[in-house]
Amino acid sequence: MKLPVITVMKVGDETVSSDAIREMIKSSDRVSALLGVSLIEARLETILKKIFVKNAKEVDNLFSDYQLLSGFYPKLSIARALNIISAEAFLDLKSIGSIRNMMAHNIAMSSFGNEKIAQRCLTLRLPERHAQFVTSMRKWVDAIPDNSWANELADPRTRFVSSVVLAFWKLSDEAYKKRVPDTPCI
């Protein structure tokens, strides 16, 4: 069954939708890792731009190539400093970025089956901390398997993808607010 396209974010002229999440889920391991971090990074950028002062040129310059907030880790660090994400989520998102970097910069590490990558994936704790939310995500993302919870999360790829999708969707609400949150959204 093909689910309808649900637009969940607009970044500049680019619309990110449930189709992008499906592409991440159904792609090769390496593409999933690259696209997954790109989805989270775009979401963080949207949130940060809404919080910063409204001088568009100065703010845009912060995020342009080779500038202060052009990369995933700086955006992640600022999001943590502003309490957009919890300390626990920060650690998981750093690990997700590390997994992406291992797959992007090492030809031999192209699979979630690689021992180092699998070990890193299995340290991700977002799915357990947000089990109820992950269960509700299945209604929107048909590619998340419906097997038993323990079996699913024992698979490094499923744990990685579940963590990315969870972070992306949990950050969705914050992307539409124009304030620093009182409590972390994830």
N, C-alpha and C. Protein backbone atom coordinates (compact mmCIF):
# COMPACT_ATOMS: atom_id res chain seq x y z
N MET A 1 0.84 -1.19 0.00
CA MET A 1 0.00 0.00 0.00
C MET A 1 0.88 1.24 0.00
N LYS A 2 0.63 2.15 -0.91
CA LYS A 2 1.39 3.40 -0.98
C LYS A 2 0.69 4.45 -0.13
N LEU A 3 1.44 4.99 0.83
CA LEU A 3 0.89 6.05 1.69
C LEU A 3 0.94 7.38 0.95
N PRO A 4 0.03 8.30 1.25
CA PRO A 4 0.08 9.61 0.62
C PRO A 4 1.31 10.38 1.08
N VAL A 5 1.77 11.31 0.25
CA VAL A 5 2.89 12.17 0.62
C VAL A 5 2.40 13.13 1.69
N ILE A 6 3.14 13.20 2.77
CA ILE A 6 2.80 14.10 3.86
C ILE A 6 3.97 15.08 3.99
N THR A 7 3.77 16.32 3.62
CA THR A 7 4.84 17.30 3.71
C THR A 7 5.05 17.63 5.18
N VAL A 8 6.28 17.45 5.63
CA VAL A 8 6.57 17.66 7.04
C VAL A 8 7.53 18.81 7.29
N MET A 9 8.16 19.34 6.27
CA MET A 9 9.09 20.44 6.48
C MET A 9 9.41 21.09 5.16
N LYS A 10 9.64 22.37 5.21
CA LYS A 10 10.11 23.09 4.04
C LYS A 10 11.40 23.79 4.43
N VAL A 11 12.47 23.52 3.69
CA VAL A 11 13.77 24.15 3.92
C VAL A 11 14.11 24.89 2.64
N GLY A 12 14.03 26.21 2.67
CA GLY A 12 14.27 26.99 1.47
C GLY A 12 13.25 26.60 0.42
N ASP A 13 13.72 26.18 -0.74
CA ASP A 13 12.83 25.74 -1.81
C ASP A 13 12.62 24.24 -1.78
N GLU A 14 13.25 23.55 -0.86
CA GLU A 14 13.20 22.09 -0.83
C GLU A 14 12.15 21.62 0.18
N THR A 15 11.26 20.76 -0.27
CA THR A 15 10.26 20.18 0.61
C THR A 15 10.70 18.78 0.99
N VAL A 16 10.75 18.53 2.28
CA VAL A 16 11.12 17.21 2.78
C VAL A 16 9.82 16.53 3.20
N SER A 17 9.58 15.33 2.74
CA SER A 17 8.32 14.67 3.00
C SER A 17 8.54 13.25 3.48
N SER A 18 7.43 12.58 3.72
CA SER A 18 7.52 11.18 4.11
C SER A 18 8.19 10.35 3.03
N ASP A 19 8.15 10.81 1.77
CA ASP A 19 8.85 10.09 0.70
C ASP A 19 10.36 10.06 0.95
N ALA A 20 10.92 11.15 1.48
CA ALA A 20 12.35 11.17 1.78
C ALA A 20 12.68 10.17 2.88
N ILE A 21 11.79 10.05 3.85
CA ILE A 21 12.01 9.08 4.91
C ILE A 21 11.93 7.67 4.34
N ARG A 22 10.95 7.42 3.48
CA ARG A 22 10.84 6.10 2.85
C ARG A 22 12.09 5.78 2.04
N GLU A 23 12.61 6.79 1.32
CA GLU A 23 13.83 6.58 0.54
C GLU A 23 14.98 6.19 1.45
N MET A 24 15.10 6.86 2.58
CA MET A 24 16.16 6.52 3.53
C MET A 24 15.99 5.09 4.01
N ILE A 25 14.78 4.70 4.31
CA ILE A 25 14.52 3.36 4.85
C ILE A 25 14.80 2.28 3.82
N LYS A 26 14.46 2.53 2.57
CA LYS A 26 14.55 1.49 1.54
C LYS A 26 15.87 1.49 0.77
N SER A 27 16.72 2.48 0.98
CA SER A 27 17.99 2.59 0.24
C SER A 27 19.05 1.66 0.81
N SER A 28 20.18 1.64 0.14
CA SER A 28 21.33 0.87 0.64
C SER A 28 21.73 1.43 2.00
N ASP A 29 22.50 0.67 2.73
CA ASP A 29 22.93 1.09 4.07
C ASP A 29 23.66 2.43 4.04
N ARG A 30 24.61 2.56 3.12
CA ARG A 30 25.40 3.80 3.05
C ARG A 30 24.50 5.00 2.75
N VAL A 31 23.60 4.87 1.78
CA VAL A 31 22.70 5.96 1.43
C VAL A 31 21.77 6.27 2.61
N SER A 32 21.30 5.24 3.31
CA SER A 32 20.44 5.46 4.48
C SER A 32 21.16 6.29 5.53
N ALA A 33 22.42 5.98 5.79
CA ALA A 33 23.18 6.73 6.79
C ALA A 33 23.37 8.18 6.36
N LEU A 34 23.71 8.40 5.10
CA LEU A 34 23.93 9.76 4.60
C LEU A 34 22.63 10.57 4.60
N LEU A 35 21.57 9.98 4.08
CA LEU A 35 20.30 10.69 4.01
C LEU A 35 19.70 10.90 5.39
N GLY A 36 19.85 9.92 6.27
CA GLY A 36 19.31 10.05 7.62
C GLY A 36 19.88 11.25 8.36
N VAL A 37 21.18 11.41 8.32
CA VAL A 37 21.80 12.56 9.00
C VAL A 37 21.42 13.86 8.30
N SER A 38 21.30 13.83 6.98
CA SER A 38 20.89 15.04 6.26
C SER A 38 19.49 15.49 6.67
N LEU A 39 18.59 14.54 6.89
CA LEU A 39 17.23 14.88 7.33
C LEU A 39 17.26 15.56 8.70
N ILE A 40 18.01 14.98 9.63
CA ILE A 40 18.09 15.55 10.98
C ILE A 40 18.78 16.91 10.93
N GLU A 41 19.85 17.01 10.15
CA GLU A 41 20.59 18.27 10.06
C GLU A 41 19.71 19.39 9.49
N ALA A 42 18.92 19.09 8.47
CA ALA A 42 18.03 20.10 7.90
C ALA A 42 16.99 20.54 8.93
N ARG A 43 16.51 19.59 9.71
CA ARG A 43 15.52 19.93 10.75
C ARG A 43 16.15 20.84 11.80
N LEU A 44 17.35 20.51 12.25
CA LEU A 44 18.03 21.35 13.24
C LEU A 44 18.27 22.75 12.70
N GLU A 45 18.66 22.86 11.44
CA GLU A 45 18.90 24.17 10.85
C GLU A 45 17.62 25.00 10.83
N THR A 46 16.51 24.37 10.49
CA THR A 46 15.23 25.08 10.48
C THR A 46 14.91 25.63 11.87
N ILE A 47 15.09 24.81 12.88
CA ILE A 47 14.80 25.23 14.25
C ILE A 47 15.70 26.38 14.66
N LEU A 48 17.00 26.24 14.42
CA LEU A 48 17.95 27.27 14.84
C LEU A 48 17.69 28.60 14.13
N LYS A 49 17.36 28.55 12.85
CA LYS A 49 17.10 29.79 12.11
C LYS A 49 15.88 30.51 12.65
N LYS A 50 14.91 29.78 13.16
CA LYS A 50 13.73 30.42 13.73
C LYS A 50 14.02 31.08 15.07
N ILE A 51 15.01 30.56 15.78
CA ILE A 51 15.35 31.09 17.10
C ILE A 51 16.26 32.31 17.00
N PHE A 52 17.17 32.31 16.02
CA PHE A 52 18.15 33.38 15.91
C PHE A 52 17.51 34.70 15.50
N VAL A 53 18.27 35.76 15.70
CA VAL A 53 17.84 37.11 15.34
C VAL A 53 17.42 37.13 13.88
N LYS A 54 16.51 38.00 13.54
CA LYS A 54 15.87 37.96 12.24
C LYS A 54 16.61 38.69 11.11
N ASN A 55 17.89 38.90 11.24
CA ASN A 55 18.66 39.47 10.14
C ASN A 55 19.05 38.31 9.23
N ALA A 56 18.27 38.08 8.21
CA ALA A 56 18.40 36.89 7.36
C ALA A 56 19.81 36.71 6.80
N LYS A 57 20.44 37.78 6.36
CA LYS A 57 21.76 37.65 5.75
C LYS A 57 22.80 37.15 6.76
N GLU A 58 22.81 37.75 7.95
CA GLU A 58 23.75 37.33 8.98
C GLU A 58 23.50 35.89 9.41
N VAL A 59 22.24 35.52 9.58
CA VAL A 59 21.90 34.16 9.99
C VAL A 59 22.25 33.18 8.88
N ASP A 60 21.88 33.50 7.65
CA ASP A 60 22.21 32.61 6.53
C ASP A 60 23.72 32.40 6.40
N ASN A 61 24.49 33.47 6.66
CA ASN A 61 25.95 33.35 6.59
C ASN A 61 26.48 32.34 7.60
N LEU A 62 25.87 32.26 8.77
CA LEU A 62 26.31 31.28 9.77
C LEU A 62 26.22 29.86 9.26
N PHE A 63 25.23 29.59 8.40
CA PHE A 63 24.97 28.23 7.92
C PHE A 63 25.58 27.95 6.55
N SER A 64 26.18 28.95 5.91
CA SER A 64 26.72 28.74 4.58
C SER A 64 28.00 27.89 4.65
N ASP A 65 28.43 27.41 3.50
CA ASP A 65 29.59 26.51 3.43
C ASP A 65 30.79 27.05 4.20
N TYR A 66 31.40 26.17 4.96
CA TYR A 66 32.64 26.43 5.72
C TYR A 66 32.49 27.49 6.80
N GLN A 67 31.27 27.80 7.21
CA GLN A 67 31.06 28.76 8.28
C GLN A 67 30.75 28.04 9.58
N LEU A 68 30.54 28.81 10.62
CA LEU A 68 30.38 28.30 11.97
C LEU A 68 29.38 27.16 12.10
N LEU A 69 28.21 27.28 11.49
CA LEU A 69 27.15 26.27 11.65
C LEU A 69 26.87 25.51 10.36
N SER A 70 27.89 25.31 9.54
CA SER A 70 27.68 24.62 8.27
C SER A 70 27.62 23.10 8.42
N GLY A 71 28.11 22.56 9.53
CA GLY A 71 28.15 21.12 9.70
C GLY A 71 27.15 20.59 10.71
N PHE A 72 27.01 19.28 10.73
CA PHE A 72 26.06 18.61 11.61
C PHE A 72 26.41 18.80 13.09
N TYR A 73 27.68 18.57 13.45
CA TYR A 73 28.06 18.64 14.87
C TYR A 73 27.89 20.03 15.48
N PRO A 74 28.27 21.10 14.79
CA PRO A 74 28.02 22.43 15.37
C PRO A 74 26.52 22.70 15.58
N LYS A 75 25.68 22.32 14.61
CA LYS A 75 24.24 22.50 14.78
C LYS A 75 23.73 21.70 15.97
N LEU A 76 24.23 20.49 16.09
CA LEU A 76 23.84 19.60 17.19
C LEU A 76 24.26 20.20 18.53
N SER A 77 25.46 20.73 18.60
CA SER A 77 25.97 21.33 19.84
C SER A 77 25.16 22.55 20.25
N ILE A 78 24.82 23.40 19.29
CA ILE A 78 24.00 24.58 19.59
C ILE A 78 22.61 24.14 20.03
N ALA A 79 22.05 23.14 19.37
CA ALA A 79 20.72 22.64 19.75
C ALA A 79 20.73 22.12 21.18
N ARG A 80 21.81 21.47 21.58
CA ARG A 80 21.91 21.00 22.97
C ARG A 80 22.06 22.18 23.92
N ALA A 81 22.88 23.15 23.56
CA ALA A 81 23.10 24.31 24.41
C ALA A 81 21.81 25.11 24.61
N LEU A 82 20.93 25.09 23.62
CA LEU A 82 19.65 25.80 23.70
C LEU A 82 18.55 24.92 24.29
N ASN A 83 18.89 23.72 24.71
CA ASN A 83 17.94 22.79 25.33
C ASN A 83 16.87 22.28 24.35
N ILE A 84 17.18 22.29 23.08
CA ILE A 84 16.27 21.74 22.08
C ILE A 84 16.29 20.22 22.15
N ILE A 85 17.46 19.67 22.46
CA ILE A 85 17.58 18.22 22.61
C ILE A 85 18.17 17.92 23.99
N SER A 86 17.83 16.76 24.52
CA SER A 86 18.32 16.35 25.83
C SER A 86 19.77 15.87 25.73
N ALA A 87 20.41 15.71 26.87
CA ALA A 87 21.78 15.18 26.90
C ALA A 87 21.83 13.77 26.31
N GLU A 88 20.82 12.96 26.62
CA GLU A 88 20.78 11.59 26.11
C GLU A 88 20.61 11.58 24.58
N ALA A 89 19.71 12.41 24.08
CA ALA A 89 19.51 12.49 22.63
C ALA A 89 20.76 13.03 21.95
N PHE A 90 21.43 13.98 22.58
CA PHE A 90 22.67 14.55 22.04
C PHE A 90 23.69 13.43 21.81
N LEU A 91 23.86 12.54 22.78
CA LEU A 91 24.81 11.44 22.64
C LEU A 91 24.42 10.51 21.49
N ASP A 92 23.14 10.18 21.40
CA ASP A 92 22.69 9.32 20.31
C ASP A 92 22.87 9.99 18.95
N LEU A 93 22.53 11.27 18.86
CA LEU A 93 22.67 11.97 17.59
C LEU A 93 24.14 12.13 17.19
N LYS A 94 25.03 12.30 18.17
CA LYS A 94 26.47 12.30 17.87
C LYS A 94 26.88 10.95 17.31
N SER A 95 26.37 9.87 17.89
CA SER A 95 26.68 8.52 17.39
C SER A 95 26.14 8.32 15.98
N ILE A 96 24.94 8.81 15.72
CA ILE A 96 24.36 8.72 14.38
C ILE A 96 25.25 9.45 13.38
N GLY A 97 25.75 10.63 13.75
CA GLY A 97 26.67 11.37 12.89
C GLY A 97 27.97 10.63 12.69
N SER A 98 28.46 9.98 13.73
CA SER A 98 29.69 9.19 13.63
C SER A 98 29.52 8.01 12.69
N ILE A 99 28.37 7.36 12.77
CA ILE A 99 28.07 6.24 11.87
C ILE A 99 28.05 6.74 10.43
N ARG A 100 27.41 7.88 10.21
CA ARG A 100 27.39 8.46 8.87
C ARG A 100 28.81 8.73 8.38
N ASN A 101 29.65 9.31 9.24
CA ASN A 101 31.02 9.62 8.84
C ASN A 101 31.82 8.36 8.52
N MET A 102 31.64 7.30 9.32
CA MET A 102 32.35 6.05 9.04
C MET A 102 31.96 5.52 7.66
N MET A 103 30.66 5.57 7.34
CA MET A 103 30.20 5.05 6.05
C MET A 103 30.58 5.97 4.89
N ALA A 104 30.61 7.27 5.15
CA ALA A 104 30.91 8.23 4.08
C ALA A 104 32.39 8.27 3.74
N HIS A 105 33.26 8.02 4.71
CA HIS A 105 34.70 8.24 4.50
C HIS A 105 35.53 6.98 4.50
N ASN A 106 34.90 5.81 4.56
CA ASN A 106 35.64 4.55 4.54
C ASN A 106 34.94 3.59 3.59
N ILE A 107 35.57 3.31 2.48
CA ILE A 107 34.99 2.45 1.43
C ILE A 107 34.58 1.09 2.01
N ALA A 108 35.37 0.55 2.92
CA ALA A 108 35.09 -0.78 3.47
C ALA A 108 33.89 -0.79 4.42
N MET A 109 33.52 0.35 4.95
CA MET A 109 32.40 0.42 5.90
C MET A 109 31.14 0.90 5.19
N SER A 110 30.54 0.01 4.43
CA SER A 110 29.37 0.39 3.64
C SER A 110 28.08 -0.25 4.15
N SER A 111 28.18 -0.98 5.26
CA SER A 111 27.03 -1.76 5.71
C SER A 111 26.84 -1.66 7.22
N PHE A 112 25.58 -1.71 7.63
CA PHE A 112 25.28 -1.78 9.06
C PHE A 112 25.73 -3.12 9.63
N GLY A 113 26.08 -4.07 8.77
CA GLY A 113 26.61 -5.35 9.20
C GLY A 113 28.09 -5.30 9.57
N ASN A 114 28.78 -4.22 9.19
CA ASN A 114 30.18 -4.05 9.59
C ASN A 114 30.25 -4.03 11.12
N GLU A 115 31.20 -4.75 11.69
CA GLU A 115 31.27 -4.92 13.14
C GLU A 115 31.31 -3.59 13.91
N LYS A 116 32.17 -2.66 13.48
CA LYS A 116 32.27 -1.37 14.19
C LYS A 116 30.98 -0.57 14.08
N ILE A 117 30.39 -0.57 12.89
CA ILE A 117 29.15 0.18 12.69
C ILE A 117 28.01 -0.47 13.47
N ALA A 118 27.93 -1.79 13.41
CA ALA A 118 26.88 -2.50 14.14
C ALA A 118 26.98 -2.22 15.64
N GLN A 119 28.19 -2.27 16.18
CA GLN A 119 28.37 -2.00 17.61
C GLN A 119 27.90 -0.59 17.96
N ARG A 120 28.24 0.39 17.12
CA ARG A 120 27.83 1.77 17.37
C ARG A 120 26.31 1.90 17.28
N CYS A 121 25.69 1.25 16.29
CA CYS A 121 24.23 1.30 16.15
C CYS A 121 23.54 0.73 17.39
N LEU A 122 24.09 -0.34 17.92
CA LEU A 122 23.45 -1.01 19.05
C LEU A 122 23.57 -0.21 20.35
N THR A 123 24.36 0.88 20.34
CA THR A 123 24.43 1.75 21.52
C THR A 123 23.33 2.82 21.51
N LEU A 124 22.63 2.97 20.38
CA LEU A 124 21.59 4.00 20.28
C LEU A 124 20.42 3.65 21.20
N ARG A 125 20.00 4.61 21.99
CA ARG A 125 18.95 4.36 23.00
C ARG A 125 17.66 5.13 22.75
N LEU A 126 17.61 5.95 21.71
CA LEU A 126 16.39 6.71 21.44
C LEU A 126 15.15 5.81 21.29
N PRO A 127 15.22 4.69 20.60
CA PRO A 127 13.99 3.88 20.43
C PRO A 127 13.41 3.39 21.76
N GLU A 128 14.25 2.98 22.69
CA GLU A 128 13.71 2.52 23.98
C GLU A 128 13.14 3.68 24.79
N ARG A 129 13.80 4.82 24.73
CA ARG A 129 13.34 5.97 25.51
C ARG A 129 12.03 6.55 24.97
N HIS A 130 11.74 6.26 23.71
CA HIS A 130 10.54 6.81 23.08
C HIS A 130 9.73 5.68 22.42
N ALA A 131 9.61 4.56 23.10
CA ALA A 131 8.97 3.37 22.54
C ALA A 131 7.55 3.64 22.05
N GLN A 132 6.77 4.37 22.82
CA GLN A 132 5.39 4.65 22.43
C GLN A 132 5.34 5.46 21.13
N PHE A 133 6.23 6.42 21.00
CA PHE A 133 6.26 7.24 19.80
C PHE A 133 6.67 6.41 18.59
N VAL A 134 7.68 5.54 18.76
CA VAL A 134 8.14 4.69 17.65
C VAL A 134 6.99 3.81 17.19
N THR A 135 6.22 3.27 18.12
CA THR A 135 5.08 2.43 17.76
C THR A 135 4.07 3.23 16.94
N SER A 136 3.82 4.47 17.31
CA SER A 136 2.86 5.30 16.56
C SER A 136 3.42 5.70 15.19
N MET A 137 4.74 5.76 15.03
CA MET A 137 5.34 6.12 13.74
C MET A 137 4.99 5.11 12.66
N ARG A 138 4.76 3.86 13.05
CA ARG A 138 4.47 2.81 12.07
C ARG A 138 3.26 3.16 11.22
N LYS A 139 2.35 3.94 11.75
CA LYS A 139 1.17 4.33 10.99
C LYS A 139 1.55 5.21 9.80
N TRP A 140 2.65 5.97 9.95
CA TRP A 140 3.05 6.92 8.91
C TRP A 140 4.11 6.36 7.98
N VAL A 141 4.95 5.50 8.51
CA VAL A 141 6.07 4.98 7.71
C VAL A 141 5.89 3.48 7.58
N ASP A 142 5.35 3.05 6.44
CA ASP A 142 4.99 1.65 6.26
C ASP A 142 6.20 0.72 6.19
N ALA A 143 7.40 1.27 6.01
CA ALA A 143 8.57 0.42 5.87
C ALA A 143 9.19 0.01 7.20
N ILE A 144 8.72 0.57 8.31
CA ILE A 144 9.22 0.13 9.62
C ILE A 144 8.58 -1.22 9.91
N PRO A 145 9.38 -2.25 10.14
CA PRO A 145 8.83 -3.60 10.32
C PRO A 145 7.89 -3.68 11.53
N ASP A 146 7.03 -4.68 11.50
CA ASP A 146 6.02 -4.86 12.54
C ASP A 146 6.31 -6.08 13.42
N ASN A 147 7.54 -6.53 13.46
CA ASN A 147 7.90 -7.71 14.26
C ASN A 147 7.94 -7.35 15.74
N SER A 148 8.37 -8.29 16.55
CA SER A 148 8.46 -8.00 17.98
C SER A 148 9.54 -6.93 18.21
N TRP A 149 9.30 -6.12 19.23
CA TRP A 149 10.16 -4.99 19.54
C TRP A 149 11.61 -5.42 19.76
N ALA A 150 11.85 -6.45 20.55
CA ALA A 150 13.22 -6.89 20.85
C ALA A 150 13.94 -7.35 19.59
N ASN A 151 13.26 -8.09 18.74
CA ASN A 151 13.88 -8.57 17.50
C ASN A 151 14.26 -7.41 16.59
N GLU A 152 13.38 -6.44 16.47
CA GLU A 152 13.66 -5.30 15.61
C GLU A 152 14.91 -4.54 16.05
N LEU A 153 14.97 -4.22 17.31
CA LEU A 153 16.06 -3.38 17.80
C LEU A 153 17.38 -4.12 17.94
N ALA A 154 17.36 -5.44 17.80
CA ALA A 154 18.60 -6.21 17.80
C ALA A 154 19.32 -6.07 16.46
N ASP A 155 18.59 -5.61 15.44
CA ASP A 155 19.17 -5.41 14.11
C ASP A 155 19.75 -3.99 14.03
N PRO A 156 21.06 -3.86 13.75
CA PRO A 156 21.69 -2.53 13.74
C PRO A 156 21.02 -1.54 12.78
N ARG A 157 20.65 -2.00 11.59
CA ARG A 157 20.02 -1.11 10.62
C ARG A 157 18.67 -0.60 11.14
N THR A 158 17.87 -1.50 11.69
CA THR A 158 16.56 -1.11 12.20
C THR A 158 16.70 -0.13 13.36
N ARG A 159 17.68 -0.36 14.22
CA ARG A 159 17.90 0.54 15.35
C ARG A 159 18.33 1.91 14.85
N PHE A 160 19.22 1.95 13.85
CA PHE A 160 19.68 3.22 13.28
C PHE A 160 18.50 3.96 12.64
N VAL A 161 17.78 3.29 11.76
CA VAL A 161 16.67 3.92 11.04
C VAL A 161 15.60 4.38 12.02
N SER A 162 15.26 3.56 13.00
CA SER A 162 14.25 3.95 13.99
C SER A 162 14.70 5.20 14.74
N SER A 163 15.98 5.28 15.08
CA SER A 163 16.50 6.44 15.80
C SER A 163 16.43 7.70 14.95
N VAL A 164 16.79 7.58 13.68
CA VAL A 164 16.75 8.73 12.77
C VAL A 164 15.32 9.21 12.57
N VAL A 165 14.42 8.28 12.27
CA VAL A 165 13.02 8.66 12.02
C VAL A 165 12.42 9.28 13.28
N LEU A 166 12.72 8.70 14.41
CA LEU A 166 12.21 9.24 15.67
C LEU A 166 12.71 10.66 15.89
N ALA A 167 14.01 10.88 15.73
CA ALA A 167 14.58 12.22 15.92
C ALA A 167 13.97 13.21 14.94
N PHE A 168 13.84 12.82 13.70
CA PHE A 168 13.27 13.69 12.67
C PHE A 168 11.85 14.12 13.03
N TRP A 169 11.01 13.17 13.40
CA TRP A 169 9.62 13.47 13.71
C TRP A 169 9.47 14.21 15.03
N LYS A 170 10.27 13.85 16.03
CA LYS A 170 10.18 14.55 17.31
C LYS A 170 10.63 16.01 17.17
N LEU A 171 11.55 16.27 16.29
CA LEU A 171 12.00 17.64 16.06
C LEU A 171 11.01 18.43 15.19
N SER A 172 10.05 17.75 14.58
CA SER A 172 9.08 18.41 13.70
C SER A 172 8.34 19.53 14.40
N ASP A 173 7.81 19.27 15.59
CA ASP A 173 7.06 20.29 16.31
C ASP A 173 7.92 21.51 16.59
N GLU A 174 9.17 21.28 16.99
CA GLU A 174 10.05 22.40 17.31
C GLU A 174 10.36 23.24 16.08
N ALA A 175 10.33 22.63 14.90
CA ALA A 175 10.65 23.36 13.67
C ALA A 175 9.64 24.46 13.37
N TYR A 176 8.46 24.35 13.95
CA TYR A 176 7.42 25.34 13.69
C TYR A 176 7.25 26.34 14.81
N LYS A 177 8.04 26.22 15.86
CA LYS A 177 7.98 27.16 16.97
C LYS A 177 9.07 28.21 16.79
N LYS A 178 8.88 29.36 17.38
CA LYS A 178 9.86 30.44 17.23
C LYS A 178 10.41 30.82 18.60
N ARG A 179 10.75 29.83 19.39
CA ARG A 179 11.24 30.10 20.73
C ARG A 179 12.21 29.00 21.15
N VAL A 180 12.95 29.28 22.19
CA VAL A 180 13.80 28.26 22.81
C VAL A 180 12.90 27.45 23.72
N PRO A 181 12.89 26.12 23.59
CA PRO A 181 11.97 25.31 24.39
C PRO A 181 12.33 25.28 25.88
N ASP A 182 11.31 25.12 26.72
CA ASP A 182 11.53 24.98 28.15
C ASP A 182 12.12 23.61 28.48
N THR A 183 11.67 22.61 27.76
CA THR A 183 12.18 21.25 27.95
C THR A 183 12.58 20.70 26.58
N PRO A 184 13.55 19.81 26.54
CA PRO A 184 13.96 19.25 25.25
C PRO A 184 12.80 18.54 24.56
N CYS A 185 12.75 18.59 23.25
CA CYS A 185 11.69 17.90 22.50
C CYS A 185 12.05 16.45 22.27
N ILE A 186 13.30 16.11 22.40
CA ILE A 186 13.73 14.72 22.22
C ILE A 186 14.82 14.41 23.23
